[in-house]
Amino acid sequence: MAIGAGTGLIMGLWSFNGPMPPPEWLGEYADVSRRLARLGHIAFFGLGILNVLLADELSTDRIGYTARRVASATMNFGNIFLPLTLFAAAAHHPLKYLLPVPAIAVSVALVVAAYGLCRNVGCCRREDT
């Protein structure tokens, strides 16, 4: 999240007719490169918060050690590489094709956590009647 704050400080230098012009490779406000950079900036914050919430949830889930490790590892991977890949894709558009890799990693972590939560509250259990 600290990196998110740092990127925001830098991007703020050229936002809203700031004291510096935007780098040429970012283009105008509505250009794809600029949008990818803004998304990368906010991803540092959003995924950081999500990672903290996931860690708290995994500590209470009724899932095995391996499932917790998978969720933790995939979330950490996505937390690092999704924002970085967004910034990289802003600078070099063909890198956008790498975005599904960290996005899927985050999704895997959230599915594992949802399954654990479901097991905690009993909605994943089969009940023989």
N, C-alpha and C. Protein backbone atom coordinates (compact mmCIF):
# COMPACT_ATOMS: atom_id res chain seq x y z
N MET A 1 0.83 -1.19 0.00
CA MET A 1 0.00 0.00 0.00
C MET A 1 0.87 1.25 0.00
N ALA A 2 2.06 1.14 0.57
CA ALA A 2 2.99 2.28 0.54
C ALA A 2 3.41 2.60 -0.89
N ILE A 3 3.59 1.57 -1.71
CA ILE A 3 3.93 1.80 -3.11
C ILE A 3 2.76 2.48 -3.82
N GLY A 4 1.54 2.12 -3.47
CA GLY A 4 0.37 2.78 -4.02
C GLY A 4 0.35 4.26 -3.70
N ALA A 5 0.71 4.59 -2.46
CA ALA A 5 0.78 6.01 -2.08
C ALA A 5 1.88 6.72 -2.86
N GLY A 6 3.01 6.05 -3.03
CA GLY A 6 4.12 6.65 -3.78
C GLY A 6 3.76 6.88 -5.24
N THR A 7 3.11 5.89 -5.86
CA THR A 7 2.72 6.08 -7.26
C THR A 7 1.68 7.19 -7.38
N GLY A 8 0.81 7.29 -6.39
CA GLY A 8 -0.18 8.38 -6.39
C GLY A 8 0.47 9.74 -6.28
N LEU A 9 1.50 9.84 -5.45
CA LEU A 9 2.22 11.12 -5.33
C LEU A 9 2.87 11.50 -6.65
N ILE A 10 3.46 10.54 -7.31
CA ILE A 10 4.12 10.82 -8.59
C ILE A 10 3.08 11.17 -9.65
N MET A 11 2.02 10.38 -9.74
CA MET A 11 1.00 10.65 -10.74
C MET A 11 0.28 11.97 -10.48
N GLY A 12 0.22 12.37 -9.24
CA GLY A 12 -0.40 13.64 -8.90
C GLY A 12 0.34 14.85 -9.45
N LEU A 13 1.61 14.66 -9.78
CA LEU A 13 2.39 15.77 -10.34
C LEU A 13 1.86 16.23 -11.69
N TRP A 14 1.23 15.31 -12.44
CA TRP A 14 0.73 15.70 -13.75
C TRP A 14 -0.79 15.62 -13.86
N SER A 15 -1.46 15.28 -12.78
CA SER A 15 -2.92 15.22 -12.82
C SER A 15 -3.52 16.60 -12.66
N PHE A 16 -4.64 16.79 -13.29
CA PHE A 16 -5.40 18.04 -13.18
C PHE A 16 -4.53 19.27 -13.46
N ASN A 17 -3.79 19.20 -14.56
CA ASN A 17 -2.90 20.30 -14.96
C ASN A 17 -1.90 20.64 -13.86
N GLY A 18 -1.33 19.60 -13.27
CA GLY A 18 -0.37 19.76 -12.19
C GLY A 18 0.89 20.48 -12.63
N PRO A 19 1.86 20.52 -11.77
CA PRO A 19 3.08 21.30 -12.07
C PRO A 19 3.94 20.69 -13.17
N MET A 20 3.70 19.42 -13.54
CA MET A 20 4.49 18.78 -14.58
C MET A 20 3.57 18.20 -15.65
N PRO A 21 4.03 18.16 -16.89
CA PRO A 21 3.22 17.49 -17.92
C PRO A 21 3.35 15.98 -17.77
N PRO A 22 2.34 15.24 -18.20
CA PRO A 22 2.45 13.78 -18.11
C PRO A 22 3.52 13.26 -19.07
N PRO A 23 4.15 12.15 -18.72
CA PRO A 23 5.11 11.56 -19.65
C PRO A 23 4.42 11.24 -20.98
N GLU A 24 5.14 11.39 -22.07
CA GLU A 24 4.55 11.17 -23.39
C GLU A 24 3.96 9.77 -23.54
N TRP A 25 4.62 8.77 -22.95
CA TRP A 25 4.15 7.40 -23.12
C TRP A 25 2.80 7.15 -22.46
N LEU A 26 2.40 8.02 -21.51
CA LEU A 26 1.10 7.87 -20.86
C LEU A 26 -0.03 8.46 -21.68
N GLY A 27 0.26 9.44 -22.48
CA GLY A 27 -0.77 10.05 -23.32
C GLY A 27 -1.71 10.93 -22.53
N GLU A 28 -2.87 11.15 -23.14
CA GLU A 28 -3.89 12.02 -22.53
C GLU A 28 -4.67 11.27 -21.46
N TYR A 29 -5.52 12.01 -20.75
CA TYR A 29 -6.23 11.46 -19.59
C TYR A 29 -7.02 10.20 -19.92
N ALA A 30 -7.70 10.15 -21.06
CA ALA A 30 -8.56 9.02 -21.39
C ALA A 30 -7.85 7.92 -22.18
N ASP A 31 -6.57 8.09 -22.47
CA ASP A 31 -5.84 7.07 -23.23
C ASP A 31 -5.69 5.79 -22.42
N VAL A 32 -5.58 4.67 -23.12
CA VAL A 32 -5.47 3.36 -22.47
C VAL A 32 -4.28 3.31 -21.52
N SER A 33 -3.15 3.83 -21.93
CA SER A 33 -1.96 3.79 -21.07
C SER A 33 -2.21 4.50 -19.75
N ARG A 34 -2.83 5.65 -19.82
CA ARG A 34 -3.10 6.41 -18.60
C ARG A 34 -4.10 5.66 -17.72
N ARG A 35 -5.09 5.02 -18.32
CA ARG A 35 -6.08 4.26 -17.55
C ARG A 35 -5.43 3.06 -16.87
N LEU A 36 -4.55 2.37 -17.59
CA LEU A 36 -3.85 1.23 -17.00
C LEU A 36 -2.99 1.67 -15.81
N ALA A 37 -2.32 2.81 -15.95
CA ALA A 37 -1.49 3.32 -14.85
C ALA A 37 -2.35 3.67 -13.64
N ARG A 38 -3.49 4.30 -13.87
CA ARG A 38 -4.38 4.63 -12.74
C ARG A 38 -4.91 3.36 -12.08
N LEU A 39 -5.23 2.36 -12.89
CA LEU A 39 -5.70 1.09 -12.34
C LEU A 39 -4.59 0.40 -11.54
N GLY A 40 -3.36 0.47 -12.02
CA GLY A 40 -2.22 -0.09 -11.28
C GLY A 40 -2.04 0.60 -9.94
N HIS A 41 -2.18 1.92 -9.94
CA HIS A 41 -2.05 2.70 -8.70
C HIS A 41 -3.08 2.25 -7.67
N ILE A 42 -4.34 2.15 -8.07
CA ILE A 42 -5.37 1.79 -7.11
C ILE A 42 -5.30 0.30 -6.74
N ALA A 43 -4.75 -0.53 -7.65
CA ALA A 43 -4.61 -1.95 -7.34
C ALA A 43 -3.66 -2.18 -6.18
N PHE A 44 -2.64 -1.34 -6.06
CA PHE A 44 -1.74 -1.46 -4.90
C PHE A 44 -2.52 -1.32 -3.60
N PHE A 45 -3.45 -0.38 -3.56
CA PHE A 45 -4.26 -0.19 -2.36
C PHE A 45 -5.30 -1.29 -2.18
N GLY A 46 -6.10 -1.51 -3.21
CA GLY A 46 -7.20 -2.46 -3.11
C GLY A 46 -6.73 -3.87 -2.79
N LEU A 47 -5.71 -4.32 -3.49
CA LEU A 47 -5.21 -5.67 -3.24
C LEU A 47 -4.50 -5.78 -1.90
N GLY A 48 -3.87 -4.71 -1.46
CA GLY A 48 -3.24 -4.71 -0.13
C GLY A 48 -4.27 -4.89 0.97
N ILE A 49 -5.37 -4.15 0.85
CA ILE A 49 -6.45 -4.27 1.83
C ILE A 49 -7.06 -5.67 1.76
N LEU A 50 -7.29 -6.14 0.54
CA LEU A 50 -7.85 -7.48 0.36
C LEU A 50 -6.94 -8.55 0.95
N ASN A 51 -5.64 -8.37 0.82
CA ASN A 51 -4.68 -9.32 1.36
C ASN A 51 -4.76 -9.37 2.89
N VAL A 52 -4.91 -8.23 3.52
CA VAL A 52 -5.04 -8.19 4.99
C VAL A 52 -6.33 -8.90 5.42
N LEU A 53 -7.42 -8.63 4.72
CA LEU A 53 -8.69 -9.28 5.04
C LEU A 53 -8.62 -10.79 4.80
N LEU A 54 -7.95 -11.18 3.73
CA LEU A 54 -7.80 -12.61 3.43
C LEU A 54 -7.01 -13.31 4.53
N ALA A 55 -5.93 -12.70 4.97
CA ALA A 55 -5.11 -13.31 6.03
C ALA A 55 -5.94 -13.51 7.30
N ASP A 56 -6.77 -12.54 7.63
CA ASP A 56 -7.62 -12.67 8.80
C ASP A 56 -8.63 -13.80 8.61
N GLU A 57 -9.21 -13.89 7.44
CA GLU A 57 -10.20 -14.93 7.17
C GLU A 57 -9.57 -16.31 7.17
N LEU A 58 -8.39 -16.44 6.58
CA LEU A 58 -7.74 -17.76 6.51
C LEU A 58 -7.37 -18.28 7.89
N SER A 59 -7.15 -17.39 8.83
CA SER A 59 -6.80 -17.85 10.17
C SER A 59 -7.98 -18.50 10.89
N THR A 60 -9.19 -18.25 10.41
CA THR A 60 -10.37 -18.84 11.05
C THR A 60 -11.05 -19.90 10.21
N ASP A 61 -10.60 -20.07 8.97
CA ASP A 61 -11.24 -21.03 8.07
C ASP A 61 -10.98 -22.47 8.50
N ARG A 62 -11.96 -23.30 8.22
CA ARG A 62 -11.85 -24.73 8.49
C ARG A 62 -11.36 -25.45 7.24
N ILE A 63 -10.22 -25.05 6.76
CA ILE A 63 -9.61 -25.70 5.61
C ILE A 63 -8.22 -26.15 6.02
N GLY A 64 -7.64 -27.00 5.24
CA GLY A 64 -6.34 -27.56 5.59
C GLY A 64 -5.19 -26.59 5.38
N TYR A 65 -4.07 -27.01 5.88
CA TYR A 65 -2.84 -26.22 5.79
C TYR A 65 -2.49 -25.93 4.33
N THR A 66 -2.60 -26.94 3.47
CA THR A 66 -2.25 -26.76 2.06
C THR A 66 -3.14 -25.73 1.39
N ALA A 67 -4.43 -25.77 1.65
CA ALA A 67 -5.35 -24.80 1.06
C ALA A 67 -5.03 -23.39 1.54
N ARG A 68 -4.70 -23.25 2.82
CA ARG A 68 -4.31 -21.93 3.34
C ARG A 68 -3.04 -21.42 2.66
N ARG A 69 -2.08 -22.31 2.47
CA ARG A 69 -0.82 -21.92 1.81
C ARG A 69 -1.06 -21.52 0.36
N VAL A 70 -1.92 -22.27 -0.33
CA VAL A 70 -2.24 -21.94 -1.72
C VAL A 70 -2.90 -20.57 -1.80
N ALA A 71 -3.88 -20.33 -0.94
CA ALA A 71 -4.58 -19.05 -0.94
C ALA A 71 -3.62 -17.90 -0.62
N SER A 72 -2.77 -18.11 0.36
CA SER A 72 -1.82 -17.07 0.75
C SER A 72 -0.81 -16.80 -0.37
N ALA A 73 -0.27 -17.85 -0.94
CA ALA A 73 0.74 -17.68 -1.99
C ALA A 73 0.16 -17.04 -3.24
N THR A 74 -1.03 -17.49 -3.66
CA THR A 74 -1.61 -16.91 -4.87
C THR A 74 -2.03 -15.46 -4.65
N MET A 75 -2.50 -15.13 -3.45
CA MET A 75 -2.86 -13.74 -3.17
C MET A 75 -1.62 -12.86 -3.15
N ASN A 76 -0.56 -13.33 -2.52
CA ASN A 76 0.67 -12.55 -2.50
C ASN A 76 1.23 -12.34 -3.91
N PHE A 77 1.17 -13.38 -4.72
CA PHE A 77 1.62 -13.26 -6.11
C PHE A 77 0.80 -12.20 -6.85
N GLY A 78 -0.53 -12.30 -6.74
CA GLY A 78 -1.39 -11.33 -7.41
C GLY A 78 -1.23 -9.93 -6.85
N ASN A 79 -1.04 -9.84 -5.55
CA ASN A 79 -0.88 -8.54 -4.90
C ASN A 79 0.35 -7.80 -5.41
N ILE A 80 1.39 -8.53 -5.73
CA ILE A 80 2.62 -7.93 -6.24
C ILE A 80 2.54 -7.72 -7.75
N PHE A 81 2.14 -8.76 -8.46
CA PHE A 81 2.29 -8.72 -9.91
C PHE A 81 1.13 -8.10 -10.68
N LEU A 82 -0.06 -8.04 -10.12
CA LEU A 82 -1.14 -7.39 -10.86
C LEU A 82 -0.89 -5.89 -11.03
N PRO A 83 -0.59 -5.15 -9.97
CA PRO A 83 -0.29 -3.72 -10.18
C PRO A 83 0.95 -3.50 -11.06
N LEU A 84 1.99 -4.31 -10.84
CA LEU A 84 3.20 -4.14 -11.65
C LEU A 84 2.93 -4.42 -13.12
N THR A 85 2.12 -5.43 -13.40
CA THR A 85 1.79 -5.76 -14.78
C THR A 85 0.92 -4.67 -15.40
N LEU A 86 0.04 -4.07 -14.62
CA LEU A 86 -0.76 -2.96 -15.13
C LEU A 86 0.14 -1.78 -15.53
N PHE A 87 1.09 -1.45 -14.68
CA PHE A 87 2.02 -0.37 -15.03
C PHE A 87 2.88 -0.75 -16.24
N ALA A 88 3.32 -2.00 -16.29
CA ALA A 88 4.13 -2.45 -17.43
C ALA A 88 3.31 -2.40 -18.72
N ALA A 89 2.04 -2.80 -18.65
CA ALA A 89 1.17 -2.75 -19.83
C ALA A 89 0.87 -1.33 -20.26
N ALA A 90 0.86 -0.40 -19.30
CA ALA A 90 0.69 1.01 -19.65
C ALA A 90 1.87 1.50 -20.49
N ALA A 91 3.05 1.01 -20.16
CA ALA A 91 4.25 1.43 -20.89
C ALA A 91 4.43 0.67 -22.19
N HIS A 92 4.00 -0.60 -22.22
CA HIS A 92 4.18 -1.44 -23.41
C HIS A 92 2.93 -2.31 -23.55
N HIS A 93 2.01 -1.89 -24.43
CA HIS A 93 0.69 -2.49 -24.53
C HIS A 93 0.65 -4.01 -24.71
N PRO A 94 1.56 -4.66 -25.44
CA PRO A 94 1.47 -6.13 -25.55
C PRO A 94 1.55 -6.87 -24.21
N LEU A 95 2.09 -6.23 -23.19
CA LEU A 95 2.16 -6.88 -21.88
C LEU A 95 0.79 -7.05 -21.22
N LYS A 96 -0.23 -6.42 -21.79
CA LYS A 96 -1.59 -6.57 -21.24
C LYS A 96 -2.05 -8.03 -21.30
N TYR A 97 -1.46 -8.80 -22.19
CA TYR A 97 -1.85 -10.21 -22.30
C TYR A 97 -1.36 -11.04 -21.12
N LEU A 98 -0.49 -10.48 -20.30
CA LEU A 98 -0.03 -11.17 -19.08
C LEU A 98 -0.97 -10.91 -17.89
N LEU A 99 -1.87 -9.96 -18.02
CA LEU A 99 -2.74 -9.58 -16.91
C LEU A 99 -3.59 -10.73 -16.35
N PRO A 100 -4.05 -11.67 -17.17
CA PRO A 100 -4.85 -12.76 -16.59
C PRO A 100 -4.10 -13.61 -15.57
N VAL A 101 -2.78 -13.70 -15.67
CA VAL A 101 -2.03 -14.57 -14.75
C VAL A 101 -2.17 -14.08 -13.30
N PRO A 102 -1.81 -12.84 -12.97
CA PRO A 102 -2.01 -12.41 -11.58
C PRO A 102 -3.49 -12.26 -11.20
N ALA A 103 -4.34 -11.93 -12.18
CA ALA A 103 -5.78 -11.81 -11.87
C ALA A 103 -6.36 -13.17 -11.49
N ILE A 104 -5.96 -14.22 -12.17
CA ILE A 104 -6.41 -15.57 -11.82
C ILE A 104 -5.86 -15.98 -10.46
N ALA A 105 -4.63 -15.59 -10.16
CA ALA A 105 -4.05 -15.91 -8.86
C ALA A 105 -4.89 -15.31 -7.73
N VAL A 106 -5.28 -14.04 -7.89
CA VAL A 106 -6.13 -13.40 -6.88
C VAL A 106 -7.47 -14.13 -6.79
N SER A 107 -8.02 -14.50 -7.92
CA SER A 107 -9.30 -15.21 -7.93
C SER A 107 -9.21 -16.55 -7.21
N VAL A 108 -8.13 -17.28 -7.42
CA VAL A 108 -7.94 -18.56 -6.73
C VAL A 108 -7.92 -18.35 -5.22
N ALA A 109 -7.20 -17.34 -4.77
CA ALA A 109 -7.13 -17.06 -3.33
C ALA A 109 -8.52 -16.75 -2.78
N LEU A 110 -9.30 -15.98 -3.50
CA LEU A 110 -10.62 -15.61 -3.02
C LEU A 110 -11.59 -16.79 -3.04
N VAL A 111 -11.46 -17.66 -4.02
CA VAL A 111 -12.31 -18.85 -4.07
C VAL A 111 -11.99 -19.78 -2.90
N VAL A 112 -10.71 -19.96 -2.60
CA VAL A 112 -10.32 -20.80 -1.46
C VAL A 112 -10.87 -20.21 -0.17
N ALA A 113 -10.75 -18.88 -0.01
CA ALA A 113 -11.27 -18.23 1.19
C ALA A 113 -12.79 -18.36 1.27
N ALA A 114 -13.47 -18.21 0.14
CA ALA A 114 -14.93 -18.35 0.13
C ALA A 114 -15.34 -19.78 0.50
N TYR A 115 -14.61 -20.75 0.00
CA TYR A 115 -14.88 -22.14 0.36
C TYR A 115 -14.69 -22.36 1.87
N GLY A 116 -13.60 -21.80 2.41
CA GLY A 116 -13.37 -21.92 3.86
C GLY A 116 -14.45 -21.26 4.67
N LEU A 117 -14.90 -20.10 4.23
CA LEU A 117 -15.98 -19.40 4.93
C LEU A 117 -17.26 -20.22 4.86
N CYS A 118 -17.50 -20.77 3.70
CA CYS A 118 -18.69 -21.61 3.51
C CYS A 118 -18.64 -22.82 4.45
N ARG A 119 -17.48 -23.41 4.59
CA ARG A 119 -17.34 -24.54 5.52
C ARG A 119 -17.56 -24.10 6.96
N ASN A 120 -17.12 -22.88 7.29
CA ASN A 120 -17.30 -22.38 8.66
C ASN A 120 -18.77 -22.23 9.03
N VAL A 121 -19.56 -21.75 8.10
CA VAL A 121 -20.96 -21.50 8.41
C VAL A 121 -21.86 -22.67 8.05
N GLY A 122 -21.28 -23.69 7.45
CA GLY A 122 -22.04 -24.92 7.21
C GLY A 122 -22.73 -25.01 5.88
N CYS A 123 -22.55 -24.07 4.98
CA CYS A 123 -23.27 -24.14 3.72
C CYS A 123 -22.63 -25.10 2.71
N CYS A 124 -21.46 -25.61 3.00
CA CYS A 124 -20.78 -26.54 2.09
C CYS A 124 -20.91 -27.98 2.54
N ARG A 125 -21.56 -28.21 3.64
CA ARG A 125 -21.68 -29.57 4.15
C ARG A 125 -22.90 -30.25 3.54
N ARG A 126 -22.75 -31.52 3.29
CA ARG A 126 -23.91 -32.31 2.88
C ARG A 126 -24.55 -32.87 4.12
N GLU A 127 -25.82 -32.71 4.17
CA GLU A 127 -26.54 -33.23 5.33
C GLU A 127 -27.46 -34.35 4.85
N ASP A 128 -27.26 -35.51 5.39
CA ASP A 128 -28.15 -36.62 5.04
C ASP A 128 -29.42 -36.49 5.85
N THR A 129 -30.54 -36.52 5.14
CA THR A 129 -31.81 -36.40 5.87
C THR A 129 -32.60 -37.67 5.82
